[in-house]
Amino acid sequence: MKEYEVITEGHRSKRWIEGYGIRLRLHLLPFFGEMGLSEITPGKAQEYRVHRIATSKTGKAPARSTIHDEIVTLRQVL
């Protein structure tokens, strides 16, 4: 059994797991990394959404579904 199958009990694909890792590494950890658990509030999640839109490297905001996926990742980690 592969490592990702052990973690998810075989319910998620390797690609699904990799997507979560990428979102954490590139976007969520740089913003929330030094915060304690009690500091991550709904208000901070909203600040994160604003931050993602304001710091886009392409000049346009990330898609709504992209930010939603990142917030879902954050929820699952918490």
N, C-alpha and C. Protein backbone atom coordinates (compact mmCIF):
# COMPACT_ATOMS: atom_id res chain seq x y z
N MET A 1 0.84 -1.18 0.00
CA MET A 1 0.00 0.00 0.00
C MET A 1 0.89 1.25 0.00
N LYS A 2 0.54 2.22 -0.81
CA LYS A 2 1.33 3.44 -0.92
C LYS A 2 1.02 4.38 0.23
N GLU A 3 1.98 5.28 0.50
CA GLU A 3 1.84 6.20 1.63
C GLU A 3 0.55 7.01 1.58
N TYR A 4 0.21 7.58 0.44
CA TYR A 4 -1.00 8.39 0.35
C TYR A 4 -2.26 7.55 0.56
N GLU A 5 -2.19 6.26 0.24
CA GLU A 5 -3.34 5.39 0.48
C GLU A 5 -3.52 5.12 1.96
N VAL A 6 -2.42 5.06 2.70
CA VAL A 6 -2.50 4.84 4.15
C VAL A 6 -3.14 6.05 4.82
N ILE A 7 -2.70 7.23 4.43
CA ILE A 7 -3.20 8.46 5.04
C ILE A 7 -4.69 8.64 4.79
N THR A 8 -5.13 8.36 3.57
CA THR A 8 -6.53 8.60 3.21
C THR A 8 -7.36 7.31 3.18
N GLU A 9 -6.78 6.24 3.65
CA GLU A 9 -7.44 4.93 3.66
C GLU A 9 -7.89 4.52 2.26
N GLY A 10 -7.14 4.96 1.24
CA GLY A 10 -7.43 4.59 -0.14
C GLY A 10 -8.59 5.33 -0.77
N HIS A 11 -9.12 6.36 -0.11
CA HIS A 11 -10.29 7.08 -0.62
C HIS A 11 -9.95 8.25 -1.54
N ARG A 12 -8.69 8.62 -1.61
CA ARG A 12 -8.29 9.75 -2.44
C ARG A 12 -7.12 9.35 -3.33
N SER A 13 -7.05 9.95 -4.51
CA SER A 13 -5.98 9.65 -5.45
C SER A 13 -4.70 10.41 -5.06
N LYS A 14 -3.61 9.96 -5.62
CA LYS A 14 -2.32 10.62 -5.39
C LYS A 14 -2.37 12.07 -5.87
N ARG A 15 -3.00 12.30 -6.99
CA ARG A 15 -3.10 13.67 -7.55
C ARG A 15 -3.89 14.60 -6.61
N TRP A 16 -4.95 14.08 -6.01
CA TRP A 16 -5.76 14.86 -5.07
C TRP A 16 -4.90 15.28 -3.88
N ILE A 17 -4.13 14.35 -3.35
CA ILE A 17 -3.24 14.62 -2.21
C ILE A 17 -2.19 15.66 -2.59
N GLU A 18 -1.61 15.51 -3.78
CA GLU A 18 -0.59 16.46 -4.24
C GLU A 18 -1.16 17.87 -4.35
N GLY A 19 -2.40 18.00 -4.80
CA GLY A 19 -3.05 19.32 -4.91
C GLY A 19 -3.15 20.01 -3.56
N TYR A 20 -3.49 19.24 -2.54
CA TYR A 20 -3.56 19.81 -1.20
C TYR A 20 -2.18 20.27 -0.74
N GLY A 21 -1.17 19.47 -1.00
CA GLY A 21 0.19 19.83 -0.62
C GLY A 21 0.64 21.11 -1.30
N ILE A 22 0.33 21.24 -2.56
CA ILE A 22 0.71 22.43 -3.32
C ILE A 22 0.02 23.67 -2.76
N ARG A 23 -1.29 23.58 -2.50
CA ARG A 23 -2.01 24.73 -1.94
C ARG A 23 -1.43 25.13 -0.59
N LEU A 24 -1.10 24.14 0.23
CA LEU A 24 -0.52 24.44 1.54
C LEU A 24 0.84 25.14 1.38
N ARG A 25 1.70 24.57 0.58
CA ARG A 25 3.07 25.07 0.44
C ARG A 25 3.13 26.45 -0.21
N LEU A 26 2.37 26.64 -1.27
CA LEU A 26 2.48 27.89 -2.03
C LEU A 26 1.68 29.05 -1.46
N HIS A 27 0.53 28.77 -0.87
CA HIS A 27 -0.36 29.86 -0.50
C HIS A 27 -0.69 29.94 1.00
N LEU A 28 -1.09 28.82 1.58
CA LEU A 28 -1.59 28.87 2.95
C LEU A 28 -0.48 29.02 3.99
N LEU A 29 0.57 28.23 3.90
CA LEU A 29 1.63 28.33 4.90
C LEU A 29 2.36 29.68 4.90
N PRO A 30 2.63 30.27 3.73
CA PRO A 30 3.26 31.60 3.78
C PRO A 30 2.40 32.65 4.51
N PHE A 31 1.09 32.53 4.42
CA PHE A 31 0.21 33.50 5.08
C PHE A 31 -0.05 33.14 6.54
N PHE A 32 -0.38 31.89 6.82
CA PHE A 32 -0.78 31.46 8.17
C PHE A 32 0.34 30.81 8.97
N GLY A 33 1.50 30.60 8.37
CA GLY A 33 2.56 29.78 8.94
C GLY A 33 2.96 30.06 10.37
N GLU A 34 3.10 31.30 10.76
CA GLU A 34 3.57 31.64 12.11
C GLU A 34 2.44 31.83 13.11
N MET A 35 1.20 31.73 12.67
CA MET A 35 0.06 31.94 13.56
C MET A 35 -0.21 30.69 14.40
N GLY A 36 -0.63 30.93 15.63
CA GLY A 36 -1.10 29.84 16.46
C GLY A 36 -2.51 29.45 16.05
N LEU A 37 -2.92 28.29 16.45
CA LEU A 37 -4.24 27.79 16.07
C LEU A 37 -5.36 28.75 16.47
N SER A 38 -5.27 29.32 17.67
CA SER A 38 -6.32 30.22 18.14
C SER A 38 -6.35 31.54 17.36
N GLU A 39 -5.29 31.85 16.64
CA GLU A 39 -5.22 33.08 15.86
C GLU A 39 -5.90 32.95 14.49
N ILE A 40 -6.15 31.73 14.06
CA ILE A 40 -6.76 31.51 12.74
C ILE A 40 -8.28 31.51 12.93
N THR A 41 -8.85 32.66 12.67
CA THR A 41 -10.28 32.90 12.87
C THR A 41 -10.96 33.10 11.52
N PRO A 42 -12.29 33.14 11.52
CA PRO A 42 -12.98 33.46 10.26
C PRO A 42 -12.53 34.80 9.68
N GLY A 43 -12.21 35.76 10.54
CA GLY A 43 -11.71 37.05 10.08
C GLY A 43 -10.38 36.93 9.37
N LYS A 44 -9.49 36.08 9.90
CA LYS A 44 -8.20 35.85 9.25
C LYS A 44 -8.38 35.15 7.92
N ALA A 45 -9.34 34.24 7.84
CA ALA A 45 -9.63 33.58 6.56
C ALA A 45 -10.08 34.61 5.53
N GLN A 46 -10.88 35.58 5.96
CA GLN A 46 -11.31 36.65 5.06
C GLN A 46 -10.12 37.51 4.65
N GLU A 47 -9.23 37.81 5.59
CA GLU A 47 -8.01 38.56 5.27
C GLU A 47 -7.18 37.81 4.24
N TYR A 48 -7.14 36.49 4.37
CA TYR A 48 -6.41 35.66 3.42
C TYR A 48 -7.01 35.82 2.01
N ARG A 49 -8.33 35.78 1.92
CA ARG A 49 -8.99 35.93 0.61
C ARG A 49 -8.59 37.26 -0.03
N VAL A 50 -8.63 38.33 0.76
CA VAL A 50 -8.26 39.66 0.26
C VAL A 50 -6.79 39.67 -0.16
N HIS A 51 -5.95 39.08 0.67
CA HIS A 51 -4.51 38.99 0.38
C HIS A 51 -4.26 38.28 -0.96
N ARG A 52 -4.95 37.16 -1.18
CA ARG A 52 -4.76 36.39 -2.42
C ARG A 52 -5.15 37.21 -3.64
N ILE A 53 -6.22 37.96 -3.52
CA ILE A 53 -6.66 38.78 -4.65
C ILE A 53 -5.68 39.93 -4.88
N ALA A 54 -5.21 40.55 -3.81
CA ALA A 54 -4.33 41.72 -3.91
C ALA A 54 -2.92 41.37 -4.38
N THR A 55 -2.47 40.15 -4.11
CA THR A 55 -1.08 39.80 -4.43
C THR A 55 -0.95 38.90 -5.64
N SER A 56 -1.94 38.86 -6.47
CA SER A 56 -1.90 38.02 -7.66
C SER A 56 -0.77 38.46 -8.58
N LYS A 57 0.03 37.51 -9.03
CA LYS A 57 1.16 37.82 -9.90
C LYS A 57 0.74 38.01 -11.35
N THR A 58 -0.45 37.56 -11.70
CA THR A 58 -0.91 37.67 -13.09
C THR A 58 -1.63 38.98 -13.37
N GLY A 59 -1.94 39.74 -12.32
CA GLY A 59 -2.65 40.99 -12.51
C GLY A 59 -4.16 40.85 -12.42
N LYS A 60 -4.66 39.62 -12.39
CA LYS A 60 -6.08 39.43 -12.18
C LYS A 60 -6.28 38.46 -11.02
N ALA A 61 -7.41 38.58 -10.38
CA ALA A 61 -7.70 37.78 -9.19
C ALA A 61 -7.78 36.29 -9.54
N PRO A 62 -7.38 35.43 -8.60
CA PRO A 62 -7.57 33.99 -8.82
C PRO A 62 -9.06 33.69 -8.96
N ALA A 63 -9.37 32.62 -9.63
CA ALA A 63 -10.76 32.22 -9.80
C ALA A 63 -11.41 31.98 -8.44
N ARG A 64 -12.69 32.23 -8.38
CA ARG A 64 -13.44 32.01 -7.13
C ARG A 64 -13.28 30.57 -6.64
N SER A 65 -13.30 29.63 -7.55
CA SER A 65 -13.17 28.22 -7.17
C SER A 65 -11.78 27.91 -6.62
N THR A 66 -10.76 28.61 -7.11
CA THR A 66 -9.40 28.41 -6.61
C THR A 66 -9.31 28.83 -5.15
N ILE A 67 -9.81 30.00 -4.84
CA ILE A 67 -9.79 30.48 -3.46
C ILE A 67 -10.65 29.58 -2.59
N HIS A 68 -11.78 29.13 -3.10
CA HIS A 68 -12.64 28.21 -2.36
C HIS A 68 -11.87 26.93 -2.02
N ASP A 69 -11.17 26.37 -2.99
CA ASP A 69 -10.39 25.15 -2.75
C ASP A 69 -9.33 25.37 -1.67
N GLU A 70 -8.72 26.55 -1.67
CA GLU A 70 -7.71 26.86 -0.65
C GLU A 70 -8.35 26.96 0.74
N ILE A 71 -9.51 27.55 0.84
CA ILE A 71 -10.21 27.66 2.13
C ILE A 71 -10.65 26.28 2.60
N VAL A 72 -11.09 25.42 1.70
CA VAL A 72 -11.44 24.05 2.05
C VAL A 72 -10.21 23.32 2.59
N THR A 73 -9.07 23.51 1.95
CA THR A 73 -7.83 22.91 2.43
C THR A 73 -7.51 23.39 3.84
N LEU A 74 -7.65 24.69 4.06
CA LEU A 74 -7.40 25.26 5.38
C LEU A 74 -8.33 24.63 6.41
N ARG A 75 -9.61 24.53 6.09
CA ARG A 75 -10.57 23.92 7.01
C ARG A 75 -10.21 22.49 7.35
N GLN A 76 -9.79 21.74 6.36
CA GLN A 76 -9.46 20.34 6.59
C GLN A 76 -8.21 20.19 7.45
N VAL A 77 -7.27 21.10 7.29
CA VAL A 77 -6.06 21.05 8.11
C VAL A 77 -6.40 21.40 9.56
N LEU A 78 -7.28 22.38 9.74
CA LEU A 78 -7.65 22.78 11.09
C LEU A 78 -8.50 21.72 11.74
